[in-house]
Amino acid sequence: MPARDNFHSLMRIGPVQIGTHRDRNGQTKHAAVCSSDGCGWSADYTSQTAARTHRCRVR
């Protein structure tokens, strides 16, 4: 049975939302999602500073 994927340390920087979670190997990951309409960007990163790098081109 896979471990639960609970997010903690949620933050919002402009349209980007970042949440910290543990992957199935127990490593800490940072998921970033852009909430702008029409963007649809999301990614997992190993550091929180890398998760802040998205520049949304949709206006």
C-alpha atoms as a PDB file:
ATOM      1  CA  MET A   1       0.000   0.000   0.000  1.00  0.00           C
ATOM      2  CA  PRO A   2       1.514   3.388  -0.964  1.00  0.00           C
ATOM      3  CA  ALA A   3       2.178   5.995   1.675  1.00  0.00           C
ATOM      4  CA  ARG A   4      -0.161   8.960   1.933  1.00  0.00           C
ATOM      5  CA  ASP A   5       0.839  12.058   0.024  1.00  0.00           C
ATOM      6  CA  ASN A   6       0.066  14.840   2.508  1.00  0.00           C
ATOM      7  CA  PHE A   7       1.112  18.362   1.629  1.00  0.00           C
ATOM      8  CA  HIS A   8       2.436  20.731   4.258  1.00  0.00           C
ATOM      9  CA  SER A   9       4.216  24.086   4.234  1.00  0.00           C
ATOM     10  CA  LEU A  10       1.887  25.475   1.590  1.00  0.00           C
ATOM     11  CA  MET A  11       2.793  28.891   0.172  1.00  0.00           C
ATOM     12  CA  ARG A  12       1.651  31.105  -2.657  1.00  0.00           C
ATOM     13  CA  ILE A  13       3.938  33.352  -4.724  1.00  0.00           C
ATOM     14  CA  GLY A  14       1.867  35.267  -7.262  1.00  0.00           C
ATOM     15  CA  PRO A  15      -0.087  32.682  -9.276  1.00  0.00           C
ATOM     16  CA  VAL A  16       2.254  29.821  -8.229  1.00  0.00           C
ATOM     17  CA  GLN A  17       1.314  27.570  -5.326  1.00  0.00           C
ATOM     18  CA  ILE A  18       4.050  25.459  -3.708  1.00  0.00           C
ATOM     19  CA  GLY A  19       3.461  22.517  -1.374  1.00  0.00           C
ATOM     20  CA  THR A  20       5.992  20.283   0.360  1.00  0.00           C
ATOM     21  CA  HIS A  21       5.420  16.514   0.510  1.00  0.00           C
ATOM     22  CA  ARG A  22       7.275  13.220   0.830  1.00  0.00           C
ATOM     23  CA  ASP A  23       7.484  10.930  -2.190  1.00  0.00           C
ATOM     24  CA  ARG A  24       7.147   7.133  -2.042  1.00  0.00           C
ATOM     25  CA  ASN A  25      10.857   6.815  -1.158  1.00  0.00           C
ATOM     26  CA  GLY A  26      10.487   9.136   1.840  1.00  0.00           C
ATOM     27  CA  GLN A  27      12.378  12.023   0.224  1.00  0.00           C
ATOM     28  CA  THR A  28      11.084  15.568   0.630  1.00  0.00           C
ATOM     29  CA  LYS A  29       9.820  17.084  -2.646  1.00  0.00           C
ATOM     30  CA  HIS A  30       8.250  20.412  -3.539  1.00  0.00           C
ATOM     31  CA  ALA A  31       5.320  20.483  -5.959  1.00  0.00           C
ATOM     32  CA  ALA A  32       4.655  23.773  -7.754  1.00  0.00           C
ATOM     33  CA  VAL A  33       1.456  24.560  -9.675  1.00  0.00           C
ATOM     34  CA  CYS A  34       0.491  27.697 -11.622  1.00  0.00           C
ATOM     35  CA  SER A  35      -3.129  28.681 -10.956  1.00  0.00           C
ATOM     36  CA  SER A  36      -3.474  31.130 -13.881  1.00  0.00           C
ATOM     37  CA  ASP A  37      -6.254  30.334 -16.341  1.00  0.00           C
ATOM     38  CA  GLY A  38      -4.882  28.699 -19.480  1.00  0.00           C
ATOM     39  CA  CYS A  39      -1.394  27.990 -18.102  1.00  0.00           C
ATOM     40  CA  GLY A  40      -1.630  24.419 -16.762  1.00  0.00           C
ATOM     41  CA  TRP A  41       2.033  24.290 -15.622  1.00  0.00           C
ATOM     42  CA  SER A  42       3.093  22.018 -12.752  1.00  0.00           C
ATOM     43  CA  ALA A  43       6.355  20.364 -11.691  1.00  0.00           C
ATOM     44  CA  ASP A  44       8.138  18.584  -8.807  1.00  0.00           C
ATOM     45  CA  TYR A  45      11.436  19.903  -7.490  1.00  0.00           C
ATOM     46  CA  THR A  46      13.968  18.844  -4.878  1.00  0.00           C
ATOM     47  CA  SER A  47      14.431  22.379  -3.528  1.00  0.00           C
ATOM     48  CA  GLN A  48      11.916  25.058  -2.672  1.00  0.00           C
ATOM     49  CA  THR A  49      13.944  27.805  -4.348  1.00  0.00           C
ATOM     50  CA  ALA A  50      13.824  25.953  -7.675  1.00  0.00           C
ATOM     51  CA  ALA A  51      10.039  25.724  -7.360  1.00  0.00           C
ATOM     52  CA  ARG A  52       9.840  29.540  -7.355  1.00  0.00           C
ATOM     53  CA  THR A  53      11.333  29.923 -10.829  1.00  0.00           C
ATOM     54  CA  HIS A  54       8.122  29.719 -12.954  1.00  0.00           C
ATOM     55  CA  ARG A  55       7.355  32.835 -14.994  1.00  0.00           C
ATOM     56  CA  CYS A  56       3.818  32.588 -16.378  1.00  0.00           C
ATOM     57  CA  ARG A  57       3.474  33.813 -19.965  1.00  0.00           C
ATOM     58  CA  VAL A  58      -0.346  33.809 -19.900  1.00  0.00           C
ATOM     59  CA  ARG A  59      -1.814  37.241 -19.193  1.00  0.00           C
END
